[in-house]
């Protein structure tokens, strides 16, 4: 057990040294590459202003999103009314979409339980 701990400690030390040597270069390269996205001057006040702009822009986009939702909902209602005219392809696509939604639900449940398949940790 002590040898595993020593091995883990040495790996962590190597990783820290690598980050110390190369992290600053990566940081500078990332900032240079994305300079067009940085608001000048990069201050706390600018960050506060941008976060407020993002929040209220998203808030302003809600009516358009609600309208799109109701259009999609009306489309689904019309498809359900004309279900006798549906092709096998349409039914297959709907079934695959439902299966995909269920798979994502199951994946979320497994992740939420701490990556266990049988249940929650005590």
PDB file of N, CA and C in Angstrom:
ATOM      1  N   UNK A   1       0.823  -1.187   0.000  1.00  0.00           N
ATOM      2  CA  UNK A   1       0.000   0.000   0.000  1.00  0.00           C
ATOM      3  C   UNK A   1       0.866   1.249   0.000  1.00  0.00           C
ATOM      4  N   UNK A   2       1.953   1.228   0.753  1.00  0.00           N
ATOM      5  CA  UNK A   2       2.849   2.380   0.830  1.00  0.00           C
ATOM      6  C   UNK A   2       3.523   2.632  -0.513  1.00  0.00           C
ATOM      7  N   UNK A   3       3.841   1.546  -1.228  1.00  0.00           N
ATOM      8  CA  UNK A   3       4.480   1.721  -2.535  1.00  0.00           C
ATOM      9  C   UNK A   3       3.514   2.365  -3.533  1.00  0.00           C
ATOM     10  N   UNK A   4       2.242   1.992  -3.471  1.00  0.00           N
ATOM     11  CA  UNK A   4       1.227   2.600  -4.348  1.00  0.00           C
ATOM     12  C   UNK A   4       1.080   4.092  -4.026  1.00  0.00           C
ATOM     13  N   UNK A   5       1.090   4.428  -2.740  1.00  0.00           N
ATOM     14  CA  UNK A   5       0.981   5.817  -2.322  1.00  0.00           C
ATOM     15  C   UNK A   5       2.180   6.618  -2.800  1.00  0.00           C
ATOM     16  N   UNK A   6       3.364   6.033  -2.679  1.00  0.00           N
ATOM     17  CA  UNK A   6       4.581   6.697  -3.143  1.00  0.00           C
ATOM     18  C   UNK A   6       4.542   6.877  -4.658  1.00  0.00           C
ATOM     19  N   UNK A   7       4.065   5.863  -5.373  1.00  0.00           N
ATOM     20  CA  UNK A   7       3.961   5.937  -6.823  1.00  0.00           C
ATOM     21  C   UNK A   7       2.968   7.027  -7.237  1.00  0.00           C
ATOM     22  N   UNK A   8       1.841   7.103  -6.561  1.00  0.00           N
ATOM     23  CA  UNK A   8       0.853   8.133  -6.848  1.00  0.00           C
ATOM     24  C   UNK A   8       1.408   9.520  -6.555  1.00  0.00           C
ATOM     25  N   UNK A   9       2.144   9.645  -5.473  1.00  0.00           N
ATOM     26  CA  UNK A   9       2.733  10.928  -5.113  1.00  0.00           C
ATOM     27  C   UNK A   9       3.755  11.367  -6.160  1.00  0.00           C
ATOM     28  N   UNK A  10       4.544  10.446  -6.664  1.00  0.00           N
ATOM     29  CA  UNK A  10       5.541  10.806  -7.680  1.00  0.00           C
ATOM     30  C   UNK A  10       4.867  11.205  -8.989  1.00  0.00           C
ATOM     31  N   UNK A  11       3.795  10.525  -9.355  1.00  0.00           N
ATOM     32  CA  UNK A  11       3.042  10.893 -10.563  1.00  0.00           C
ATOM     33  C   UNK A  11       2.435  12.283 -10.404  1.00  0.00           C
ATOM     34  N   UNK A  12       1.900  12.572  -9.228  1.00  0.00           N
ATOM     35  CA  UNK A  12       1.316  13.892  -8.979  1.00  0.00           C
ATOM     36  C   UNK A  12       2.389  14.971  -9.055  1.00  0.00           C
ATOM     37  N   UNK A  13       3.571  14.681  -8.547  1.00  0.00           N
ATOM     38  CA  UNK A  13       4.677  15.633  -8.606  1.00  0.00           C
ATOM     39  C   UNK A  13       5.092  15.880 -10.043  1.00  0.00           C
ATOM     40  N   UNK A  14       5.176  14.828 -10.844  1.00  0.00           N
ATOM     41  CA  UNK A  14       5.523  14.974 -12.261  1.00  0.00           C
ATOM     42  C   UNK A  14       4.487  15.813 -12.987  1.00  0.00           C
ATOM     43  N   UNK A  15       3.224  15.565 -12.705  1.00  0.00           N
ATOM     44  CA  UNK A  15       2.149  16.316 -13.347  1.00  0.00           C
ATOM     45  C   UNK A  15       2.217  17.788 -12.955  1.00  0.00           C
ATOM     46  N   UNK A  16       2.459  18.062 -11.690  1.00  0.00           N
ATOM     47  CA  UNK A  16       2.557  19.443 -11.218  1.00  0.00           C
ATOM     48  C   UNK A  16       3.719  20.158 -11.885  1.00  0.00           C
ATOM     49  N   UNK A  17       4.847  19.492 -12.020  1.00  0.00           N
ATOM     50  CA  UNK A  17       6.000  20.091 -12.683  1.00  0.00           C
ATOM     51  C   UNK A  17       5.707  20.364 -14.157  1.00  0.00           C
ATOM     52  N   UNK A  18       5.015  19.440 -14.822  1.00  0.00           N
ATOM     53  CA  UNK A  18       4.661  19.631 -16.228  1.00  0.00           C
ATOM     54  C   UNK A  18       3.742  20.840 -16.388  1.00  0.00           C
ATOM     55  N   UNK A  19       2.734  20.951 -15.538  1.00  0.00           N
ATOM     56  CA  UNK A  19       1.811  22.084 -15.591  1.00  0.00           C
ATOM     57  C   UNK A  19       2.563  23.380 -15.300  1.00  0.00           C
ATOM     58  N   UNK A  20       3.476  23.340 -14.352  1.00  0.00           N
ATOM     59  CA  UNK A  20       4.245  24.533 -13.996  1.00  0.00           C
ATOM     60  C   UNK A  20       5.089  24.999 -15.182  1.00  0.00           C
ATOM     61  N   UNK A  21       5.659  24.066 -15.931  1.00  0.00           N
ATOM     62  CA  UNK A  21       6.499  24.417 -17.079  1.00  0.00           C
ATOM     63  C   UNK A  21       5.676  24.846 -18.289  1.00  0.00           C
ATOM     64  N   UNK A  22       4.586  24.114 -18.590  1.00  0.00           N
ATOM     65  CA  UNK A  22       3.879  24.315 -19.851  1.00  0.00           C
ATOM     66  C   UNK A  22       2.537  25.020 -19.714  1.00  0.00           C
ATOM     67  N   UNK A  23       2.024  25.169 -18.520  1.00  0.00           N
ATOM     68  CA  UNK A  23       0.701  25.766 -18.338  1.00  0.00           C
ATOM     69  C   UNK A  23       0.640  27.212 -18.770  1.00  0.00           C
ATOM     70  N   UNK A  24       1.670  27.988 -18.473  1.00  0.00           N
ATOM     71  CA  UNK A  24       1.690  29.403 -18.814  1.00  0.00           C
ATOM     72  C   UNK A  24       1.714  29.592 -20.328  1.00  0.00           C
ATOM     73  N   UNK A  25       2.459  28.751 -21.039  1.00  0.00           N
ATOM     74  CA  UNK A  25       2.523  28.826 -22.498  1.00  0.00           C
ATOM     75  C   UNK A  25       1.148  28.531 -23.091  1.00  0.00           C
ATOM     76  N   UNK A  26       0.485  27.517 -22.577  1.00  0.00           N
ATOM     77  CA  UNK A  26      -0.857  27.170 -23.070  1.00  0.00           C
ATOM     78  C   UNK A  26      -1.842  28.303 -22.806  1.00  0.00           C
ATOM     79  N   UNK A  27      -1.761  28.899 -21.618  1.00  0.00           N
ATOM     80  CA  UNK A  27      -2.651  30.006 -21.248  1.00  0.00           C
ATOM     81  C   UNK A  27      -2.460  31.182 -22.201  1.00  0.00           C
ATOM     82  N   UNK A  28      -1.208  31.554 -22.461  1.00  0.00           N
ATOM     83  CA  UNK A  28      -0.932  32.677 -23.366  1.00  0.00           C
ATOM     84  C   UNK A  28      -1.402  32.367 -24.784  1.00  0.00           C
ATOM     85  N   UNK A  29      -1.164  31.161 -25.241  1.00  0.00           N
ATOM     86  CA  UNK A  29      -1.592  30.759 -26.587  1.00  0.00           C
ATOM     87  C   UNK A  29      -3.117  30.811 -26.702  1.00  0.00           C
ATOM     88  N   UNK A  30      -3.806  30.347 -25.676  1.00  0.00           N
ATOM     89  CA  UNK A  30      -5.272  30.354 -25.675  1.00  0.00           C
ATOM     90  C   UNK A  30      -5.811  31.782 -25.728  1.00  0.00           C
ATOM     91  N   UNK A  31      -5.218  32.684 -24.965  1.00  0.00           N
ATOM     92  CA  UNK A  31      -5.668  34.076 -24.973  1.00  0.00           C
ATOM     93  C   UNK A  31      -5.378  34.754 -26.312  1.00  0.00           C
ATOM     94  N   UNK A  32      -4.221  34.481 -26.903  1.00  0.00           N
ATOM     95  CA  UNK A  32      -3.897  35.065 -28.202  1.00  0.00           C
ATOM     96  C   UNK A  32      -4.837  34.566 -29.289  1.00  0.00           C
ATOM     97  N   UNK A  33      -5.144  33.309 -29.232  1.00  0.00           N
ATOM     98  CA  UNK A  33      -6.014  32.699 -30.241  1.00  0.00           C
ATOM     99  C   UNK A  33      -7.438  33.248 -30.160  1.00  0.00           C
ATOM    100  N   UNK A  34      -7.905  33.596 -28.961  1.00  0.00           N
ATOM    101  CA  UNK A  34      -9.278  34.051 -28.758  1.00  0.00           C
ATOM    102  C   UNK A  34      -9.349  35.524 -28.370  1.00  0.00           C
ATOM    103  N   UNK A  35      -8.423  36.320 -28.858  1.00  0.00           N
ATOM    104  CA  UNK A  35      -8.355  37.731 -28.512  1.00  0.00           C
ATOM    105  C   UNK A  35      -9.613  38.484 -28.923  1.00  0.00           C
ATOM    106  N   UNK A  36     -10.242  38.094 -30.022  1.00  0.00           N
ATOM    107  CA  UNK A  36     -11.433  38.803 -30.504  1.00  0.00           C
ATOM    108  C   UNK A  36     -12.610  38.662 -29.548  1.00  0.00           C
ATOM    109  N   UNK A  37     -12.591  37.698 -28.649  1.00  0.00           N
ATOM    110  CA  UNK A  37     -13.687  37.491 -27.710  1.00  0.00           C
ATOM    111  C   UNK A  37     -13.483  38.199 -26.372  1.00  0.00           C
ATOM    112  N   UNK A  38     -12.334  38.797 -26.181  1.00  0.00           N
ATOM    113  CA  UNK A  38     -12.024  39.431 -24.904  1.00  0.00           C
ATOM    114  C   UNK A  38     -12.450  40.886 -24.949  1.00  0.00           C
ATOM    115  N   UNK A  39     -13.239  41.290 -23.977  1.00  0.00           N
ATOM    116  CA  UNK A  39     -13.668  42.687 -23.889  1.00  0.00           C
ATOM    117  C   UNK A  39     -12.583  43.474 -23.165  1.00  0.00           C
ATOM    118  N   UNK A  40     -12.167  44.560 -23.778  1.00  0.00           N
ATOM    119  CA  UNK A  40     -11.118  45.398 -23.193  1.00  0.00           C
ATOM    120  C   UNK A  40     -11.730  46.556 -22.437  1.00  0.00           C
ATOM    121  N   UNK A  41     -11.274  46.924 -21.328  1.00  0.00           N
ATOM    122  CA  UNK A  41     -10.287  46.281 -20.476  1.00  0.00           C
ATOM    123  C   UNK A  41     -10.921  45.118 -19.717  1.00  0.00           C
ATOM    124  N   UNK A  42     -10.196  44.042 -19.511  1.00  0.00           N
ATOM    125  CA  UNK A  42     -10.754  42.882 -18.804  1.00  0.00           C
ATOM    126  C   UNK A  42     -10.794  43.114 -17.288  1.00  0.00           C
ATOM    127  N   UNK A  43     -11.836  43.790 -16.841  1.00  0.00           N
ATOM    128  CA  UNK A  43     -11.972  44.096 -15.418  1.00  0.00           C
ATOM    129  C   UNK A  43     -13.172  43.364 -14.839  1.00  0.00           C
ATOM    130  N   UNK A  44     -13.292  43.428 -13.530  1.00  0.00           N
ATOM    131  CA  UNK A  44     -14.425  42.792 -12.854  1.00  0.00           C
ATOM    132  C   UNK A  44     -15.725  43.474 -13.269  1.00  0.00           C
ATOM    133  N   UNK A  45     -15.676  44.803 -13.433  1.00  0.00           N
ATOM    134  CA  UNK A  45     -16.871  45.540 -13.849  1.00  0.00           C
ATOM    135  C   UNK A  45     -17.326  45.102 -15.232  1.00  0.00           C
ATOM    136  N   UNK A  46     -16.371  44.864 -16.146  1.00  0.00           N
ATOM    137  CA  UNK A  46     -16.721  44.395 -17.487  1.00  0.00           C
ATOM    138  C   UNK A  46     -17.360  43.014 -17.414  1.00  0.00           C
ATOM    139  N   UNK A  47     -16.851  42.161 -16.545  1.00  0.00           N
ATOM    140  CA  UNK A  47     -17.432  40.821 -16.381  1.00  0.00           C
ATOM    141  C   UNK A  47     -18.849  40.909 -15.836  1.00  0.00           C
ATOM    142  N   UNK A  48     -19.067  41.796 -14.865  1.00  0.00           N
ATOM    143  CA  UNK A  48     -20.416  41.980 -14.322  1.00  0.00           C
ATOM    144  C   UNK A  48     -21.375  42.470 -15.396  1.00  0.00           C
ATOM    145  N   UNK A  49     -20.900  43.423 -16.207  1.00  0.00           N
ATOM    146  CA  UNK A  49     -21.747  43.950 -17.281  1.00  0.00           C
ATOM    147  C   UNK A  49     -22.093  42.869 -18.297  1.00  0.00           C
ATOM    148  N   UNK A  50     -21.092  42.064 -18.672  1.00  0.00           N
ATOM    149  CA  UNK A  50     -21.332  40.994 -19.640  1.00  0.00           C
ATOM    150  C   UNK A  50     -22.281  39.937 -19.089  1.00  0.00           C
ATOM    151  N   UNK A  51     -22.166  39.610 -17.811  1.00  0.00           N
ATOM    152  CA  UNK A  51     -23.066  38.603 -17.246  1.00  0.00           C
ATOM    153  C   UNK A  51     -24.499  39.119 -17.230  1.00  0.00           C
ATOM    154  N   UNK A  52     -24.681  40.413 -16.944  1.00  0.00           N
ATOM    155  CA  UNK A  52     -26.028  40.988 -16.992  1.00  0.00           C
ATOM    156  C   UNK A  52     -26.564  41.000 -18.415  1.00  0.00           C
ATOM    157  N   UNK A  53     -25.707  41.346 -19.378  1.00  0.00           N
ATOM    158  CA  UNK A  53     -26.137  41.334 -20.784  1.00  0.00           C
ATOM    159  C   UNK A  53     -26.555  39.939 -21.218  1.00  0.00           C
ATOM    160  N   UNK A  54     -25.783  38.938 -20.826  1.00  0.00           N
ATOM    161  CA  UNK A  54     -26.125  37.561 -21.181  1.00  0.00           C
ATOM    162  C   UNK A  54     -27.452  37.156 -20.567  1.00  0.00           C
ATOM    163  N   UNK A  55     -27.649  37.469 -19.294  1.00  0.00           N
ATOM    164  CA  UNK A  55     -28.890  37.097 -18.618  1.00  0.00           C
ATOM    165  C   UNK A  55     -30.099  37.736 -19.288  1.00  0.00           C
ATOM    166  N   UNK A  56     -30.042  39.043 -19.529  1.00  0.00           N
ATOM    167  CA  UNK A  56     -31.201  39.726 -20.092  1.00  0.00           C
ATOM    168  C   UNK A  56     -31.402  39.411 -21.580  1.00  0.00           C
ATOM    169  N   UNK A  57     -30.330  39.079 -22.282  1.00  0.00           N
ATOM    170  CA  UNK A  57     -30.480  38.637 -23.671  1.00  0.00           C
ATOM    171  C   UNK A  57     -31.199  37.296 -23.724  1.00  0.00           C
ATOM    172  N   UNK A  58     -30.816  36.391 -22.842  1.00  0.00           N
ATOM    173  CA  UNK A  58     -31.508  35.099 -22.784  1.00  0.00           C
ATOM    174  C   UNK A  58     -32.955  35.271 -22.349  1.00  0.00           C
ATOM    175  N   UNK A  59     -33.188  36.185 -21.422  1.00  0.00           N
ATOM    176  CA  UNK A  59     -34.546  36.468 -20.966  1.00  0.00           C
ATOM    177  C   UNK A  59     -35.387  37.031 -22.116  1.00  0.00           C
ATOM    178  N   UNK A  60     -34.787  37.878 -22.933  1.00  0.00           N
ATOM    179  CA  UNK A  60     -35.503  38.465 -24.070  1.00  0.00           C
ATOM    180  C   UNK A  60     -35.787  37.436 -25.162  1.00  0.00           C
ATOM    181  N   UNK A  61     -35.011  36.351 -25.203  1.00  0.00           N
ATOM    182  CA  UNK A  61     -35.235  35.333 -26.236  1.00  0.00           C
ATOM    183  C   UNK A  61     -36.339  34.345 -25.868  1.00  0.00           C
ATOM    184  N   UNK A  62     -36.865  34.419 -24.643  1.00  0.00           N
ATOM    185  CA  UNK A  62     -37.900  33.475 -24.213  1.00  0.00           C
ATOM    186  C   UNK A  62     -39.168  33.515 -25.064  1.00  0.00           C
ATOM    187  N   UNK A  63     -39.715  34.675 -25.439  1.00  0.00           N
ATOM    188  CA  UNK A  63     -40.930  34.649 -26.266  1.00  0.00           C
ATOM    189  C   UNK A  63     -40.751  33.899 -27.588  1.00  0.00           C
ATOM    190  N   UNK A  64     -39.600  34.064 -28.221  1.00  0.00           N
ATOM    191  CA  UNK A  64     -39.342  33.323 -29.459  1.00  0.00           C
ATOM    192  C   UNK A  64     -39.251  31.831 -29.230  1.00  0.00           C
ATOM    193  N   UNK A  65     -38.666  31.451 -28.118  1.00  0.00           N
ATOM    194  CA  UNK A  65     -38.557  30.026 -27.796  1.00  0.00           C
ATOM    195  C   UNK A  65     -39.912  29.422 -27.487  1.00  0.00           C
ATOM    196  N   UNK A  66     -40.743  30.183 -26.769  1.00  0.00           N
ATOM    197  CA  UNK A  66     -42.090  29.692 -26.453  1.00  0.00           C
ATOM    198  C   UNK A  66     -42.897  29.534 -27.733  1.00  0.00           C
ATOM    199  N   UNK A  67     -42.759  30.498 -28.637  1.00  0.00           N
ATOM    200  CA  UNK A  67     -43.475  30.411 -29.916  1.00  0.00           C
ATOM    201  C   UNK A  67     -43.015  29.190 -30.706  1.00  0.00           C
ATOM    202  N   UNK A  68     -41.728  28.929 -30.736  1.00  0.00           N
ATOM    203  CA  UNK A  68     -41.219  27.742 -31.430  1.00  0.00           C
ATOM    204  C   UNK A  68     -41.744  26.464 -30.797  1.00  0.00           C
ATOM    205  N   UNK A  69     -41.818  26.440 -29.457  1.00  0.00           N
ATOM    206  CA  UNK A  69     -42.345  25.269 -28.775  1.00  0.00           C
ATOM    207  C   UNK A  69     -43.779  24.994 -29.199  1.00  0.00           C
ATOM    208  N   UNK A  70     -44.614  26.040 -29.229  1.00  0.00           N
ATOM    209  CA  UNK A  70     -46.014  25.826 -29.577  1.00  0.00           C
ATOM    210  C   UNK A  70     -46.176  25.432 -31.039  1.00  0.00           C
ATOM    211  N   UNK A  71     -45.303  25.908 -31.923  1.00  0.00           N
ATOM    212  CA  UNK A  71     -45.335  25.463 -33.317  1.00  0.00           C
ATOM    213  C   UNK A  71     -45.023  23.973 -33.405  1.00  0.00           C
ATOM    214  N   UNK A  72     -43.993  23.549 -32.692  1.00  0.00           N
ATOM    215  CA  UNK A  72     -43.646  22.127 -32.675  1.00  0.00           C
ATOM    216  C   UNK A  72     -44.774  21.289 -32.073  1.00  0.00           C
ATOM    217  N   UNK A  73     -45.370  21.793 -31.015  1.00  0.00           N
ATOM    218  CA  UNK A  73     -46.465  21.081 -30.364  1.00  0.00           C
ATOM    219  C   UNK A  73     -47.662  20.949 -31.300  1.00  0.00           C
ATOM    220  N   UNK A  74     -47.998  22.019 -32.043  1.00  0.00           N
ATOM    221  CA  UNK A  74     -49.086  21.952 -33.021  1.00  0.00           C
ATOM    222  C   UNK A  74     -48.766  20.965 -34.133  1.00  0.00           C
ATOM    223  N   UNK A  75     -47.513  20.912 -34.558  1.00  0.00           N
ATOM    224  CA  UNK A  75     -47.105  19.958 -35.583  1.00  0.00           C
ATOM    225  C   UNK A  75     -47.314  18.526 -35.096  1.00  0.00           C
ATOM    226  N   UNK A  76     -46.947  18.264 -33.858  1.00  0.00           N
ATOM    227  CA  UNK A  76     -47.114  16.913 -33.298  1.00  0.00           C
ATOM    228  C   UNK A  76     -48.594  16.579 -33.163  1.00  0.00           C
ATOM    229  N   UNK A  77     -49.410  17.552 -32.747  1.00  0.00           N
ATOM    230  CA  UNK A  77     -50.858  17.309 -32.642  1.00  0.00           C
ATOM    231  C   UNK A  77     -51.443  16.983 -34.006  1.00  0.00           C
ATOM    232  N   UNK A  78     -51.033  17.713 -35.042  1.00  0.00           N
ATOM    233  CA  UNK A  78     -51.540  17.439 -36.396  1.00  0.00           C
ATOM    234  C   UNK A  78     -51.078  16.070 -36.890  1.00  0.00           C
ATOM    235  N   UNK A  79     -49.836  15.707 -36.553  1.00  0.00           N
ATOM    236  CA  UNK A  79     -49.352  14.373 -36.947  1.00  0.00           C
ATOM    237  C   UNK A  79     -50.185  13.293 -36.248  1.00  0.00           C
ATOM    238  N   UNK A  80     -50.545  13.521 -34.988  1.00  0.00           N
ATOM    239  CA  UNK A  80     -51.327  12.539 -34.246  1.00  0.00           C
ATOM    240  C   UNK A  80     -52.737  12.428 -34.830  1.00  0.00           C
ATOM    241  N   UNK A  81     -53.301  13.560 -35.274  1.00  0.00           N
ATOM    242  CA  UNK A  81     -54.634  13.527 -35.889  1.00  0.00           C
ATOM    243  C   UNK A  81     -54.602  12.769 -37.202  1.00  0.00           C
ATOM    244  N   UNK A  82     -53.497  12.876 -37.934  1.00  0.00           N
ATOM    245  CA  UNK A  82     -53.374  12.202 -39.231  1.00  0.00           C
ATOM    246  C   UNK A  82     -52.497  10.956 -39.098  1.00  0.00           C
ATOM    247  N   UNK A  83     -52.621  10.237 -38.002  1.00  0.00           N
ATOM    248  CA  UNK A  83     -51.746   9.091 -37.774  1.00  0.00           C
ATOM    249  C   UNK A  83     -52.006   7.942 -38.740  1.00  0.00           C
ATOM    250  N   UNK A  84     -53.167   7.917 -39.383  1.00  0.00           N
ATOM    251  CA  UNK A  84     -53.422   6.862 -40.365  1.00  0.00           C
ATOM    252  C   UNK A  84     -52.565   7.069 -41.611  1.00  0.00           C
ATOM    253  N   UNK A  85     -52.161   8.319 -41.863  1.00  0.00           N
ATOM    254  CA  UNK A  85     -51.365   8.624 -43.051  1.00  0.00           C
ATOM    255  C   UNK A  85     -49.864   8.498 -42.810  1.00  0.00           C
ATOM    256  N   UNK A  86     -49.482   8.116 -41.606  1.00  0.00           N
ATOM    257  CA  UNK A  86     -48.057   8.029 -41.290  1.00  0.00           C
ATOM    258  C   UNK A  86     -47.400   6.886 -42.047  1.00  0.00           C
ATOM    259  N   UNK A  87     -46.159   7.114 -42.420  1.00  0.00           N
ATOM    260  CA  UNK A  87     -45.371   6.076 -43.069  1.00  0.00           C
ATOM    261  C   UNK A  87     -44.622   5.296 -41.991  1.00  0.00           C
ATOM    262  N   UNK A  88     -44.126   4.163 -42.361  1.00  0.00           N
ATOM    263  CA  UNK A  88     -43.343   3.345 -41.444  1.00  0.00           C
ATOM    264  C   UNK A  88     -42.055   4.086 -41.063  1.00  0.00           C
ATOM    265  N   UNK A  89     -41.506   4.848 -42.016  1.00  0.00           N
ATOM    266  CA  UNK A  89     -40.293   5.608 -41.731  1.00  0.00           C
ATOM    267  C   UNK A  89     -40.523   6.606 -40.605  1.00  0.00           C
ATOM    268  N   UNK A  90     -41.643   7.326 -40.658  1.00  0.00           N
ATOM    269  CA  UNK A  90     -41.943   8.319 -39.628  1.00  0.00           C
ATOM    270  C   UNK A  90     -42.119   7.663 -38.263  1.00  0.00           C
ATOM    271  N   UNK A  91     -42.798   6.541 -38.248  1.00  0.00           N
ATOM    272  CA  UNK A  91     -42.986   5.825 -36.986  1.00  0.00           C
ATOM    273  C   UNK A  91     -41.647   5.313 -36.456  1.00  0.00           C
ATOM    274  N   UNK A  92     -40.785   4.850 -37.335  1.00  0.00           N
ATOM    275  CA  UNK A  92     -39.461   4.377 -36.925  1.00  0.00           C
ATOM    276  C   UNK A  92     -38.608   5.500 -36.352  1.00  0.00           C
ATOM    277  N   UNK A  93     -38.662   6.663 -36.994  1.00  0.00           N
ATOM    278  CA  UNK A  93     -37.903   7.810 -36.494  1.00  0.00           C
ATOM    279  C   UNK A  93     -38.418   8.226 -35.123  1.00  0.00           C
ATOM    280  N   UNK A  94     -39.736   8.246 -34.955  1.00  0.00           N
ATOM    281  CA  UNK A  94     -40.314   8.606 -33.659  1.00  0.00           C
ATOM    282  C   UNK A  94     -39.922   7.589 -32.585  1.00  0.00           C
ATOM    283  N   UNK A  95     -39.914   6.305 -32.954  1.00  0.00           N
ATOM    284  CA  UNK A  95     -39.535   5.272 -31.993  1.00  0.00           C
ATOM    285  C   UNK A  95     -38.059   5.402 -31.607  1.00  0.00           C
ATOM    286  N   UNK A  96     -37.201   5.670 -32.576  1.00  0.00           N
ATOM    287  CA  UNK A  96     -35.782   5.849 -32.269  1.00  0.00           C
ATOM    288  C   UNK A  96     -35.547   7.081 -31.400  1.00  0.00           C
ATOM    289  N   UNK A  97     -36.299   8.143 -31.655  1.00  0.00           N
ATOM    290  CA  UNK A  97     -36.175   9.344 -30.833  1.00  0.00           C
ATOM    291  C   UNK A  97     -36.593   9.049 -29.395  1.00  0.00           C
ATOM    292  N   UNK A  98     -37.686   8.338 -29.224  1.00  0.00           N
ATOM    293  CA  UNK A  98     -38.134   7.960 -27.883  1.00  0.00           C
ATOM    294  C   UNK A  98     -37.117   7.072 -27.184  1.00  0.00           C
ATOM    295  N   UNK A  99     -36.525   6.148 -27.922  1.00  0.00           N
ATOM    296  CA  UNK A  99     -35.501   5.268 -27.365  1.00  0.00           C
ATOM    297  C   UNK A  99     -34.263   6.066 -26.947  1.00  0.00           C
ATOM    298  N   UNK A 100     -33.885   7.045 -27.770  1.00  0.00           N
ATOM    299  CA  UNK A 100     -32.739   7.877 -27.422  1.00  0.00           C
ATOM    300  C   UNK A 100     -33.018   8.695 -26.156  1.00  0.00           C
ATOM    301  N   UNK A 101     -34.214   9.251 -26.038  1.00  0.00           N
ATOM    302  CA  UNK A 101     -34.580  10.000 -24.830  1.00  0.00           C
ATOM    303  C   UNK A 101     -34.511   9.102 -23.604  1.00  0.00           C
ATOM    304  N   UNK A 102     -34.998   7.887 -23.718  1.00  0.00           N
ATOM    305  CA  UNK A 102     -34.951   6.946 -22.606  1.00  0.00           C
ATOM    306  C   UNK A 102     -33.511   6.587 -22.247  1.00  0.00           C
ATOM    307  N   UNK A 103     -32.664   6.426 -23.251  1.00  0.00           N
ATOM    308  CA  UNK A 103     -31.249   6.096 -23.001  1.00  0.00           C
ATOM    309  C   UNK A 103     -30.557   7.234 -22.270  1.00  0.00           C
ATOM    310  N   UNK A 104     -30.828   8.473 -22.667  1.00  0.00           N
ATOM    311  CA  UNK A 104     -30.230   9.616 -21.972  1.00  0.00           C
ATOM    312  C   UNK A 104     -30.752   9.701 -20.538  1.00  0.00           C
ATOM    313  N   UNK A 105     -32.015   9.386 -20.338  1.00  0.00           N
ATOM    314  CA  UNK A 105     -32.578   9.370 -18.983  1.00  0.00           C
ATOM    315  C   UNK A 105     -31.848   8.335 -18.126  1.00  0.00           C
ATOM    316  N   UNK A 106     -31.655   7.137 -18.672  1.00  0.00           N
ATOM    317  CA  UNK A 106     -30.962   6.079 -17.926  1.00  0.00           C
ATOM    318  C   UNK A 106     -29.517   6.476 -17.635  1.00  0.00           C
ATOM    319  N   UNK A 107     -28.844   7.076 -18.605  1.00  0.00           N
ATOM    320  CA  UNK A 107     -27.464   7.522 -18.384  1.00  0.00           C
ATOM    321  C   UNK A 107     -27.419   8.568 -17.277  1.00  0.00           C
ATOM    322  N   UNK A 108     -28.357   9.492 -17.270  1.00  0.00           N
ATOM    323  CA  UNK A 108     -28.413  10.505 -16.220  1.00  0.00           C
ATOM    324  C   UNK A 108     -28.664   9.900 -14.849  1.00  0.00           C
ATOM    325  N   UNK A 109     -29.510   8.909 -14.797  1.00  0.00           N
ATOM    326  CA  UNK A 109     -29.771   8.237 -13.523  1.00  0.00           C
ATOM    327  C   UNK A 109     -28.521   7.519 -13.018  1.00  0.00           C
ATOM    328  N   UNK A 110     -27.807   6.857 -13.905  1.00  0.00           N
ATOM    329  CA  UNK A 110     -26.593   6.145 -13.505  1.00  0.00           C
ATOM    330  C   UNK A 110     -25.546   7.140 -13.015  1.00  0.00           C
ATOM    331  N   UNK A 111     -25.384   8.242 -13.729  1.00  0.00           N
ATOM    332  CA  UNK A 111     -24.420   9.264 -13.310  1.00  0.00           C
ATOM    333  C   UNK A 111     -24.836   9.860 -11.979  1.00  0.00           C
ATOM    334  N   UNK A 112     -26.130  10.118 -11.807  1.00  0.00           N
ATOM    335  CA  UNK A 112     -26.622  10.697 -10.561  1.00  0.00           C
ATOM    336  C   UNK A 112     -26.448   9.787  -9.368  1.00  0.00           C
ATOM    337  N   UNK A 113     -26.423   8.497  -9.599  1.00  0.00           N
ATOM    338  CA  UNK A 113     -26.229   7.546  -8.495  1.00  0.00           C
ATOM    339  C   UNK A 113     -24.765   7.298  -8.208  1.00  0.00           C
ATOM    340  N   UNK A 114     -23.887   8.006  -8.870  1.00  0.00           N
ATOM    341  CA  UNK A 114     -22.459   7.800  -8.635  1.00  0.00           C
ATOM    342  C   UNK A 114     -21.910   6.667  -9.462  1.00  0.00           C
ATOM    343  N   UNK A 115     -22.421   6.474 -10.659  1.00  0.00           N
ATOM    344  CA  UNK A 115     -21.959   5.465 -11.614  1.00  0.00           C
ATOM    345  C   UNK A 115     -22.159   4.044 -11.115  1.00  0.00           C
ATOM    346  N   UNK A 116     -23.277   3.809 -10.424  1.00  0.00           N
ATOM    347  CA  UNK A 116     -23.625   2.442 -10.030  1.00  0.00           C
ATOM    348  C   UNK A 116     -24.861   2.033 -10.807  1.00  0.00           C
ATOM    349  N   UNK A 117     -24.946   0.768 -11.123  1.00  0.00           N
ATOM    350  CA  UNK A 117     -26.101   0.266 -11.862  1.00  0.00           C
ATOM    351  C   UNK A 117     -27.201  -0.241 -10.926  1.00  0.00           C
ATOM    352  N   UNK A 118     -26.838  -0.593  -9.708  1.00  0.00           N
ATOM    353  CA  UNK A 118     -27.805  -1.249  -8.828  1.00  0.00           C
ATOM    354  C   UNK A 118     -28.508  -0.318  -7.876  1.00  0.00           C
ATOM    355  N   UNK A 119     -27.926   0.802  -7.519  1.00  0.00           N
ATOM    356  CA  UNK A 119     -28.590   1.682  -6.569  1.00  0.00           C
ATOM    357  C   UNK A 119     -27.673   2.755  -6.055  1.00  0.00           C
ATOM    358  N   UNK A 120     -28.178   3.482  -5.109  1.00  0.00           N
ATOM    359  CA  UNK A 120     -27.445   4.606  -4.525  1.00  0.00           C
ATOM    360  C   UNK A 120     -26.465   4.112  -3.466  1.00  0.00           C
ATOM    361  N   UNK A 121     -25.406   4.872  -3.262  1.00  0.00           N
ATOM    362  CA  UNK A 121     -24.467   4.569  -2.186  1.00  0.00           C
ATOM    363  C   UNK A 121     -25.136   4.862  -0.851  1.00  0.00           C
ATOM    364  N   UNK A 122     -24.804   4.085   0.180  1.00  0.00           N
ATOM    365  CA  UNK A 122     -25.434   4.352   1.498  1.00  0.00           C
ATOM    366  C   UNK A 122     -24.926   5.638   2.116  1.00  0.00           C
TER     367      UNK A 122
END
